[in-house]
């Protein structure tokens, strides 16, 4: 049995789905005594019938449920990071400080996840599809790290000249070295 995969969700798709899901799940009249199946039937119908013109693809129930689960999982992780920052009880922390700390925490989590992927021995994976997927992930991470190192070395080599560009010998009243 073959299934046709839908195209990826865009931010507009996610926003549209999230607004509809919240509308039905938090509505005190509709949302209280409805079953899970009824909730998702309403979400699917409303999503497909009220989608903006730039959202062209119709989505089925399973697709919307999976995407909503991904969104809710990501939101839970984000909320956990925010709670972690709030527990620090930093007096006088501005919103910019909180965002900066949040970015630091998320960056560390991504780095930890990437480190776990990089230490996986591909020879221990028997499924060829999983092995290829992990190989591609490792290649992406390695390319990203190489790019970050290149940026760091370019910044480091250019920083000396930026600070001391006026110390260039002839024409500046200084002798040649």
N, C-alpha and C. Protein backbone atom coordinates (compact mmCIF):
# COMPACT_ATOMS: atom_id res chain seq x y z
N UNK A 1 0.86 -1.18 0.00
CA UNK A 1 0.00 0.00 0.00
C UNK A 1 0.90 1.23 0.00
N UNK A 2 0.75 2.07 -0.98
CA UNK A 2 1.56 3.29 -1.02
C UNK A 2 0.70 4.48 -0.61
N UNK A 3 1.36 5.40 0.05
CA UNK A 3 0.66 6.61 0.48
C UNK A 3 1.35 7.80 -0.13
N UNK A 4 0.58 8.80 -0.46
CA UNK A 4 1.13 10.02 -1.03
C UNK A 4 1.42 10.98 0.10
N UNK A 5 2.66 11.42 0.19
CA UNK A 5 3.04 12.38 1.24
C UNK A 5 2.60 13.77 0.83
N UNK A 6 2.13 14.51 1.80
CA UNK A 6 1.77 15.91 1.57
C UNK A 6 3.03 16.75 1.58
N UNK A 7 2.90 17.95 1.08
CA UNK A 7 4.03 18.86 1.14
C UNK A 7 4.23 19.31 2.59
N UNK A 8 5.38 19.86 2.87
CA UNK A 8 5.69 20.30 4.23
C UNK A 8 4.77 21.43 4.66
N UNK A 9 4.63 21.54 5.96
CA UNK A 9 3.84 22.62 6.53
C UNK A 9 4.67 23.90 6.55
N UNK A 10 4.06 25.00 6.24
CA UNK A 10 4.71 26.30 6.33
C UNK A 10 4.29 26.97 7.64
N UNK A 11 4.89 28.10 7.95
CA UNK A 11 4.47 28.85 9.13
C UNK A 11 3.00 29.25 9.03
N UNK A 12 2.56 29.59 7.83
CA UNK A 12 1.15 29.97 7.64
C UNK A 12 0.23 28.78 7.92
N UNK A 13 0.62 27.57 7.47
CA UNK A 13 -0.17 26.37 7.77
C UNK A 13 -0.24 26.14 9.27
N UNK A 14 0.91 26.25 9.93
CA UNK A 14 0.95 26.03 11.37
C UNK A 14 0.08 27.03 12.12
N UNK A 15 0.17 28.29 11.74
CA UNK A 15 -0.62 29.33 12.40
C UNK A 15 -2.11 29.08 12.21
N UNK A 16 -2.49 28.76 10.99
CA UNK A 16 -3.90 28.48 10.68
C UNK A 16 -4.40 27.30 11.51
N UNK A 17 -3.62 26.21 11.53
CA UNK A 17 -4.01 25.02 12.29
C UNK A 17 -4.11 25.34 13.78
N UNK A 18 -3.14 26.07 14.31
CA UNK A 18 -3.11 26.37 15.73
C UNK A 18 -4.33 27.20 16.15
N UNK A 19 -4.68 28.20 15.36
CA UNK A 19 -5.85 29.03 15.69
C UNK A 19 -7.14 28.21 15.69
N UNK A 20 -7.28 27.33 14.72
CA UNK A 20 -8.49 26.50 14.65
C UNK A 20 -8.53 25.51 15.82
N UNK A 21 -7.40 24.88 16.09
CA UNK A 21 -7.32 23.92 17.21
C UNK A 21 -7.69 24.60 18.53
N UNK A 22 -7.11 25.77 18.78
CA UNK A 22 -7.42 26.48 20.02
C UNK A 22 -8.89 26.87 20.08
N UNK A 23 -9.43 27.30 18.93
CA UNK A 23 -10.83 27.71 18.90
C UNK A 23 -11.77 26.59 19.33
N UNK A 24 -11.50 25.37 18.89
CA UNK A 24 -12.38 24.26 19.24
C UNK A 24 -12.03 23.63 20.58
N UNK A 25 -10.75 23.58 20.94
CA UNK A 25 -10.37 22.90 22.18
C UNK A 25 -10.62 23.76 23.41
N UNK A 26 -10.62 25.09 23.27
CA UNK A 26 -10.83 25.96 24.42
C UNK A 26 -12.19 26.64 24.45
N UNK A 27 -13.02 26.33 23.50
CA UNK A 27 -14.36 26.90 23.47
C UNK A 27 -15.18 26.27 24.60
N UNK A 28 -15.67 27.08 25.56
CA UNK A 28 -16.36 26.50 26.71
C UNK A 28 -17.68 25.83 26.36
N UNK A 29 -18.28 26.20 25.25
CA UNK A 29 -19.56 25.60 24.88
C UNK A 29 -19.34 24.33 24.07
N UNK A 30 -18.50 24.42 23.04
CA UNK A 30 -18.26 23.27 22.17
C UNK A 30 -17.27 22.30 22.81
N UNK A 31 -16.25 22.80 23.46
CA UNK A 31 -15.13 21.99 23.88
C UNK A 31 -15.31 21.11 25.09
N UNK A 32 -16.32 21.33 25.92
CA UNK A 32 -16.40 20.63 27.20
C UNK A 32 -16.67 19.13 27.04
N UNK A 33 -17.74 18.77 26.38
CA UNK A 33 -18.13 17.37 26.34
C UNK A 33 -17.95 16.73 24.97
N UNK A 34 -17.02 17.21 24.19
CA UNK A 34 -16.83 16.59 22.88
C UNK A 34 -15.78 15.48 22.96
N UNK A 35 -15.95 14.48 22.14
CA UNK A 35 -14.97 13.40 22.10
C UNK A 35 -13.76 13.85 21.28
N UNK A 36 -12.69 13.09 21.40
CA UNK A 36 -11.47 13.39 20.65
C UNK A 36 -11.76 13.33 19.14
N UNK A 37 -12.53 12.34 18.72
CA UNK A 37 -12.86 12.21 17.29
C UNK A 37 -13.69 13.39 16.80
N UNK A 38 -14.62 13.84 17.62
CA UNK A 38 -15.45 14.98 17.23
C UNK A 38 -14.61 16.25 17.14
N UNK A 39 -13.71 16.43 18.09
CA UNK A 39 -12.81 17.59 18.05
C UNK A 39 -12.04 17.61 16.74
N UNK A 40 -11.43 16.47 16.38
CA UNK A 40 -10.60 16.45 15.18
C UNK A 40 -11.42 16.50 13.90
N UNK A 41 -12.64 16.00 13.93
CA UNK A 41 -13.51 16.15 12.77
C UNK A 41 -13.80 17.63 12.53
N UNK A 42 -14.08 18.36 13.61
CA UNK A 42 -14.33 19.80 13.50
C UNK A 42 -13.08 20.54 13.03
N UNK A 43 -11.93 20.18 13.58
CA UNK A 43 -10.68 20.85 13.21
C UNK A 43 -10.39 20.63 11.72
N UNK A 44 -10.50 19.39 11.26
CA UNK A 44 -10.22 19.08 9.85
C UNK A 44 -11.17 19.85 8.94
N UNK A 45 -12.46 19.80 9.23
CA UNK A 45 -13.43 20.50 8.39
C UNK A 45 -13.16 22.00 8.35
N UNK A 46 -12.95 22.59 9.52
CA UNK A 46 -12.72 24.04 9.57
C UNK A 46 -11.39 24.41 8.93
N UNK A 47 -10.35 23.60 9.15
CA UNK A 47 -9.04 23.87 8.55
C UNK A 47 -9.15 23.90 7.02
N UNK A 48 -9.78 22.89 6.46
CA UNK A 48 -9.87 22.78 5.00
C UNK A 48 -10.86 23.77 4.40
N UNK A 49 -11.92 24.13 5.13
CA UNK A 49 -12.94 25.03 4.58
C UNK A 49 -12.62 26.50 4.76
N UNK A 50 -11.81 26.83 5.76
CA UNK A 50 -11.55 28.25 6.02
C UNK A 50 -10.09 28.63 5.77
N UNK A 51 -9.37 27.80 5.04
CA UNK A 51 -7.96 28.10 4.82
C UNK A 51 -7.80 29.32 3.91
N UNK A 52 -6.78 30.13 4.19
CA UNK A 52 -6.52 31.29 3.33
C UNK A 52 -6.15 30.84 1.92
N UNK A 53 -6.22 31.75 0.99
CA UNK A 53 -5.99 31.40 -0.42
C UNK A 53 -4.58 30.89 -0.68
N UNK A 54 -3.60 31.32 0.12
CA UNK A 54 -2.22 30.87 -0.11
C UNK A 54 -1.96 29.46 0.42
N UNK A 55 -2.90 28.90 1.17
CA UNK A 55 -2.80 27.50 1.60
C UNK A 55 -3.67 26.70 0.64
N UNK A 56 -3.03 25.99 -0.27
CA UNK A 56 -3.78 25.34 -1.35
C UNK A 56 -4.09 23.87 -1.08
N UNK A 57 -3.34 23.23 -0.22
CA UNK A 57 -3.48 21.79 -0.04
C UNK A 57 -4.48 21.44 1.06
N UNK A 58 -5.36 20.48 0.76
CA UNK A 58 -6.27 19.94 1.77
C UNK A 58 -5.48 18.95 2.62
N UNK A 59 -5.76 18.94 3.91
CA UNK A 59 -5.04 18.04 4.82
C UNK A 59 -6.03 17.07 5.45
N UNK A 60 -5.57 15.84 5.68
CA UNK A 60 -6.43 14.85 6.32
C UNK A 60 -6.25 14.88 7.83
N UNK A 61 -7.07 14.13 8.52
CA UNK A 61 -7.10 14.13 9.98
C UNK A 61 -5.75 13.70 10.56
N UNK A 62 -5.18 12.64 10.05
CA UNK A 62 -3.92 12.14 10.60
C UNK A 62 -2.79 13.16 10.42
N UNK A 63 -2.75 13.79 9.27
CA UNK A 63 -1.72 14.78 9.01
C UNK A 63 -1.82 15.95 9.99
N UNK A 64 -3.04 16.44 10.20
CA UNK A 64 -3.24 17.57 11.11
C UNK A 64 -2.95 17.17 12.56
N UNK A 65 -3.34 15.95 12.95
CA UNK A 65 -3.05 15.49 14.31
C UNK A 65 -1.54 15.39 14.55
N UNK A 66 -0.83 14.83 13.61
CA UNK A 66 0.63 14.69 13.77
C UNK A 66 1.30 16.06 13.83
N UNK A 67 0.86 16.96 12.96
CA UNK A 67 1.48 18.29 12.97
C UNK A 67 1.17 19.04 14.26
N UNK A 68 -0.06 18.92 14.74
CA UNK A 68 -0.43 19.60 15.98
C UNK A 68 0.36 19.03 17.15
N UNK A 69 0.60 17.73 17.15
CA UNK A 69 1.41 17.12 18.20
C UNK A 69 2.83 17.66 18.17
N UNK A 70 3.38 17.86 16.98
CA UNK A 70 4.72 18.43 16.84
C UNK A 70 4.76 19.86 17.38
N UNK A 71 3.73 20.62 17.05
CA UNK A 71 3.66 22.01 17.53
C UNK A 71 3.55 22.05 19.06
N UNK A 72 2.68 21.21 19.62
CA UNK A 72 2.49 21.19 21.07
C UNK A 72 3.75 20.72 21.80
N UNK A 73 4.47 19.77 21.23
CA UNK A 73 5.72 19.30 21.82
C UNK A 73 6.75 20.42 21.84
N UNK A 74 6.87 21.12 20.73
CA UNK A 74 7.82 22.24 20.65
C UNK A 74 7.46 23.34 21.64
N UNK A 75 6.17 23.62 21.75
CA UNK A 75 5.73 24.64 22.70
C UNK A 75 6.03 24.22 24.14
N UNK A 76 5.87 22.95 24.44
CA UNK A 76 6.18 22.45 25.78
C UNK A 76 7.66 22.62 26.10
N UNK A 77 8.51 22.33 25.13
CA UNK A 77 9.95 22.51 25.34
C UNK A 77 10.29 23.98 25.54
N UNK A 78 9.67 24.83 24.76
CA UNK A 78 9.91 26.27 24.89
C UNK A 78 9.46 26.76 26.26
N UNK A 79 8.29 26.30 26.69
CA UNK A 79 7.79 26.70 27.99
C UNK A 79 8.71 26.22 29.11
N UNK A 80 9.26 25.00 28.96
CA UNK A 80 10.21 24.48 29.93
C UNK A 80 11.45 25.36 30.02
N UNK A 81 11.93 25.81 28.88
CA UNK A 81 13.10 26.71 28.88
C UNK A 81 12.77 28.03 29.56
N UNK A 82 11.59 28.56 29.30
CA UNK A 82 11.19 29.83 29.92
C UNK A 82 11.06 29.64 31.43
N UNK A 83 10.48 28.54 31.88
CA UNK A 83 10.37 28.28 33.32
C UNK A 83 11.76 28.16 33.96
N UNK A 84 12.67 27.54 33.24
CA UNK A 84 14.03 27.40 33.75
C UNK A 84 14.66 28.78 33.96
N UNK A 85 14.43 29.69 33.05
CA UNK A 85 14.94 31.05 33.17
C UNK A 85 14.24 31.79 34.31
N UNK A 86 12.92 31.61 34.41
CA UNK A 86 12.17 32.28 35.47
C UNK A 86 12.60 31.82 36.86
N UNK A 87 13.01 30.54 36.99
CA UNK A 87 13.45 30.02 38.28
C UNK A 87 14.76 30.65 38.75
N UNK A 88 15.50 31.25 37.82
CA UNK A 88 16.75 31.91 38.20
C UNK A 88 16.49 33.14 39.05
N UNK A 89 15.28 33.67 38.93
CA UNK A 89 14.84 34.84 39.71
C UNK A 89 15.83 36.00 39.62
N UNK A 90 16.23 36.29 38.43
CA UNK A 90 17.13 37.41 38.23
C UNK A 90 16.35 38.71 38.39
N UNK A 91 16.74 39.49 39.35
CA UNK A 91 16.06 40.75 39.63
C UNK A 91 16.35 41.76 38.52
N UNK A 92 15.32 42.40 38.04
CA UNK A 92 15.47 43.46 37.05
C UNK A 92 15.81 42.97 35.66
N UNK A 93 15.62 41.69 35.37
CA UNK A 93 15.93 41.16 34.04
C UNK A 93 14.92 41.69 33.04
N UNK A 94 15.44 42.25 31.97
CA UNK A 94 14.56 42.77 30.93
C UNK A 94 14.11 41.63 30.02
N UNK A 95 13.16 41.93 29.16
CA UNK A 95 12.69 40.92 28.21
C UNK A 95 13.82 40.50 27.27
N UNK A 96 14.68 41.45 26.92
CA UNK A 96 15.83 41.14 26.06
C UNK A 96 16.78 40.16 26.76
N UNK A 97 17.00 40.35 28.08
CA UNK A 97 17.86 39.43 28.85
C UNK A 97 17.26 38.03 28.87
N UNK A 98 15.96 37.96 29.06
CA UNK A 98 15.29 36.66 29.10
C UNK A 98 15.40 35.97 27.74
N UNK A 99 15.19 36.73 26.65
CA UNK A 99 15.33 36.16 25.31
C UNK A 99 16.75 35.66 25.07
N UNK A 100 17.73 36.43 25.53
CA UNK A 100 19.13 36.05 25.35
C UNK A 100 19.43 34.73 26.09
N UNK A 101 18.94 34.63 27.31
CA UNK A 101 19.13 33.39 28.07
C UNK A 101 18.40 32.23 27.44
N UNK A 102 17.21 32.49 26.92
CA UNK A 102 16.44 31.45 26.24
C UNK A 102 17.21 30.95 25.02
N UNK A 103 17.76 31.85 24.25
CA UNK A 103 18.56 31.46 23.09
C UNK A 103 19.76 30.63 23.51
N UNK A 104 20.42 31.01 24.62
CA UNK A 104 21.56 30.24 25.11
C UNK A 104 21.16 28.82 25.48
N UNK A 105 20.03 28.69 26.18
CA UNK A 105 19.55 27.36 26.59
C UNK A 105 19.21 26.52 25.37
N UNK A 106 18.49 27.11 24.43
CA UNK A 106 18.12 26.36 23.23
C UNK A 106 19.35 25.96 22.43
N UNK A 107 20.33 26.85 22.36
CA UNK A 107 21.57 26.55 21.63
C UNK A 107 22.29 25.38 22.29
N UNK A 108 22.35 25.37 23.63
CA UNK A 108 23.00 24.26 24.34
C UNK A 108 22.27 22.95 24.09
N UNK A 109 20.93 22.99 24.05
CA UNK A 109 20.16 21.77 23.80
C UNK A 109 20.41 21.23 22.39
N UNK A 110 20.49 22.14 21.43
CA UNK A 110 20.77 21.73 20.05
C UNK A 110 22.18 21.13 19.97
N UNK A 111 23.14 21.77 20.63
CA UNK A 111 24.51 21.27 20.62
C UNK A 111 24.59 19.88 21.26
N UNK A 112 23.83 19.66 22.33
CA UNK A 112 23.80 18.37 23.00
C UNK A 112 23.22 17.30 22.07
N UNK A 113 22.13 17.64 21.40
CA UNK A 113 21.49 16.72 20.45
C UNK A 113 22.44 16.38 19.31
N UNK A 114 23.13 17.41 18.80
CA UNK A 114 24.08 17.20 17.71
C UNK A 114 25.25 16.32 18.17
N UNK A 115 25.71 16.52 19.40
CA UNK A 115 26.82 15.71 19.92
C UNK A 115 26.40 14.24 20.00
N UNK A 116 25.17 13.99 20.42
CA UNK A 116 24.67 12.61 20.50
C UNK A 116 24.63 11.97 19.11
N UNK A 117 24.23 12.75 18.12
CA UNK A 117 24.16 12.22 16.75
C UNK A 117 25.56 11.95 16.22
N UNK A 118 26.50 12.83 16.52
CA UNK A 118 27.85 12.69 15.97
C UNK A 118 28.59 11.48 16.55
N UNK A 119 28.26 11.03 17.76
CA UNK A 119 28.99 9.89 18.34
C UNK A 119 28.38 8.54 17.96
N UNK A 120 27.30 8.55 17.22
CA UNK A 120 26.68 7.29 16.79
C UNK A 120 27.59 6.61 15.77
N UNK A 121 27.87 5.34 16.02
CA UNK A 121 28.65 4.53 15.08
C UNK A 121 27.70 3.97 14.03
N UNK A 122 27.85 4.44 12.81
CA UNK A 122 26.93 4.03 11.74
C UNK A 122 27.00 2.53 11.45
N UNK A 123 28.13 1.90 11.76
CA UNK A 123 28.27 0.47 11.50
C UNK A 123 27.39 -0.37 12.42
N UNK A 124 26.91 0.21 13.51
CA UNK A 124 26.05 -0.54 14.43
C UNK A 124 24.58 -0.50 14.02
N UNK A 125 24.25 0.32 13.02
CA UNK A 125 22.86 0.45 12.56
C UNK A 125 22.64 -0.54 11.43
N UNK A 126 21.71 -1.47 11.63
CA UNK A 126 21.49 -2.52 10.63
C UNK A 126 20.53 -2.09 9.52
N UNK A 127 19.57 -1.26 9.84
CA UNK A 127 18.59 -0.80 8.84
C UNK A 127 19.27 0.19 7.91
N UNK A 128 19.34 -0.11 6.61
CA UNK A 128 20.04 0.79 5.68
C UNK A 128 19.41 2.19 5.57
N UNK A 129 18.09 2.26 5.71
CA UNK A 129 17.43 3.57 5.65
C UNK A 129 17.80 4.43 6.85
N UNK A 130 17.78 3.84 8.03
CA UNK A 130 18.15 4.58 9.24
C UNK A 130 19.63 4.97 9.19
N UNK A 131 20.47 4.05 8.71
CA UNK A 131 21.91 4.34 8.61
C UNK A 131 22.15 5.52 7.67
N UNK A 132 21.47 5.53 6.54
CA UNK A 132 21.63 6.63 5.59
C UNK A 132 21.12 7.95 6.17
N UNK A 133 19.99 7.88 6.86
CA UNK A 133 19.45 9.08 7.50
C UNK A 133 20.44 9.65 8.51
N UNK A 134 20.97 8.78 9.38
CA UNK A 134 21.93 9.25 10.39
C UNK A 134 23.21 9.77 9.74
N UNK A 135 23.62 9.13 8.65
CA UNK A 135 24.80 9.60 7.92
C UNK A 135 24.57 11.01 7.39
N UNK A 136 23.38 11.24 6.83
CA UNK A 136 23.04 12.58 6.32
C UNK A 136 23.00 13.61 7.44
N UNK A 137 22.46 13.22 8.60
CA UNK A 137 22.43 14.13 9.74
C UNK A 137 23.85 14.48 10.19
N UNK A 138 24.72 13.48 10.25
CA UNK A 138 26.11 13.72 10.65
C UNK A 138 26.82 14.64 9.65
N UNK A 139 26.56 14.44 8.37
CA UNK A 139 27.17 15.31 7.35
C UNK A 139 26.69 16.75 7.48
N UNK A 140 25.39 16.94 7.74
CA UNK A 140 24.85 18.29 7.93
C UNK A 140 25.49 18.99 9.13
N UNK A 141 25.61 18.24 10.23
CA UNK A 141 26.20 18.81 11.44
C UNK A 141 27.66 19.16 11.20
N UNK A 142 28.39 18.27 10.53
CA UNK A 142 29.80 18.53 10.25
C UNK A 142 29.96 19.76 9.35
N UNK A 143 29.09 19.89 8.35
CA UNK A 143 29.15 21.07 7.46
C UNK A 143 28.83 22.34 8.23
N UNK A 144 27.85 22.27 9.11
CA UNK A 144 27.48 23.43 9.92
C UNK A 144 28.63 23.86 10.83
N UNK A 145 29.28 22.87 11.45
CA UNK A 145 30.41 23.17 12.33
C UNK A 145 31.58 23.75 11.56
N UNK A 146 31.84 23.22 10.36
CA UNK A 146 32.93 23.74 9.53
C UNK A 146 32.65 25.18 9.14
N UNK A 147 31.40 25.47 8.80
CA UNK A 147 31.01 26.83 8.43
C UNK A 147 31.18 27.77 9.62
N UNK A 148 30.80 27.32 10.81
CA UNK A 148 30.96 28.15 12.00
C UNK A 148 32.43 28.41 12.30
N UNK A 149 33.28 27.40 12.09
CA UNK A 149 34.71 27.59 12.31
C UNK A 149 35.30 28.57 11.30
N UNK A 150 34.84 28.47 10.05
CA UNK A 150 35.32 29.41 9.02
C UNK A 150 34.95 30.83 9.38
N UNK A 151 33.72 31.03 9.84
CA UNK A 151 33.29 32.37 10.25
C UNK A 151 34.13 32.87 11.41
N UNK A 152 34.41 31.99 12.37
CA UNK A 152 35.21 32.36 13.52
C UNK A 152 36.62 32.73 13.14
N UNK A 153 37.23 31.97 12.22
CA UNK A 153 38.61 32.29 11.83
C UNK A 153 38.66 33.55 10.98
N UNK A 154 37.64 33.81 10.17
CA UNK A 154 37.61 35.06 9.39
C UNK A 154 37.46 36.25 10.32
N UNK A 155 36.60 36.13 11.30
CA UNK A 155 36.42 37.23 12.26
C UNK A 155 37.68 37.46 13.06
N UNK A 156 38.34 36.37 13.46
CA UNK A 156 39.55 36.51 14.27
C UNK A 156 40.67 37.14 13.46
N UNK A 157 40.83 36.74 12.18
CA UNK A 157 41.92 37.30 11.39
C UNK A 157 41.63 38.74 11.00
N UNK A 158 40.38 39.09 10.81
CA UNK A 158 40.05 40.45 10.42
C UNK A 158 39.99 41.41 11.59
N UNK A 159 39.88 40.89 12.80
CA UNK A 159 39.71 41.78 13.94
C UNK A 159 40.97 42.58 14.24
N UNK A 160 42.16 42.01 14.05
CA UNK A 160 43.39 42.74 14.34
C UNK A 160 43.51 43.96 13.43
N UNK A 161 43.25 43.76 12.15
CA UNK A 161 43.33 44.88 11.20
C UNK A 161 42.28 45.94 11.49
N UNK A 162 41.13 45.52 11.96
CA UNK A 162 40.09 46.49 12.27
C UNK A 162 40.49 47.41 13.41
N UNK A 163 41.20 46.86 14.39
CA UNK A 163 41.57 47.67 15.55
C UNK A 163 42.82 48.51 15.30
N UNK A 164 43.71 48.02 14.43
CA UNK A 164 44.99 48.71 14.26
C UNK A 164 45.22 49.14 12.81
N UNK A 165 44.16 49.48 12.10
CA UNK A 165 44.30 49.84 10.69
C UNK A 165 45.08 51.13 10.50
N UNK A 166 45.16 51.96 11.52
CA UNK A 166 45.87 53.22 11.38
C UNK A 166 47.37 53.07 11.62
N UNK A 167 47.86 51.87 11.95
CA UNK A 167 49.28 51.64 12.16
C UNK A 167 49.87 50.96 10.93
N UNK A 168 49.98 51.69 9.83
CA UNK A 168 50.38 51.03 8.57
C UNK A 168 51.66 51.59 7.98
N UNK A 169 52.51 52.23 8.67
CA UNK A 169 53.77 52.65 8.12
C UNK A 169 53.67 53.92 7.30
N UNK A 170 54.32 53.97 6.09
CA UNK A 170 54.41 55.19 5.28
C UNK A 170 53.02 55.80 5.04
N UNK A 171 52.99 57.11 5.08
CA UNK A 171 51.73 57.83 4.85
C UNK A 171 51.02 58.13 6.14
N UNK A 172 51.39 57.47 7.21
CA UNK A 172 50.76 57.71 8.51
C UNK A 172 51.73 58.34 9.49
N UNK A 173 52.91 58.71 8.99
CA UNK A 173 53.89 59.33 9.86
C UNK A 173 54.68 58.34 10.69
N UNK A 174 54.53 57.03 10.40
CA UNK A 174 55.26 56.03 11.14
C UNK A 174 56.32 55.40 10.25
N UNK A 175 57.45 55.00 10.80
CA UNK A 175 58.46 54.35 9.97
C UNK A 175 58.02 52.94 9.59
N UNK A 176 58.64 52.40 8.49
CA UNK A 176 58.39 51.02 8.09
C UNK A 176 58.95 50.08 9.14
N UNK A 177 58.38 48.95 9.30
CA UNK A 177 58.87 47.96 10.26
C UNK A 177 59.67 46.93 9.55
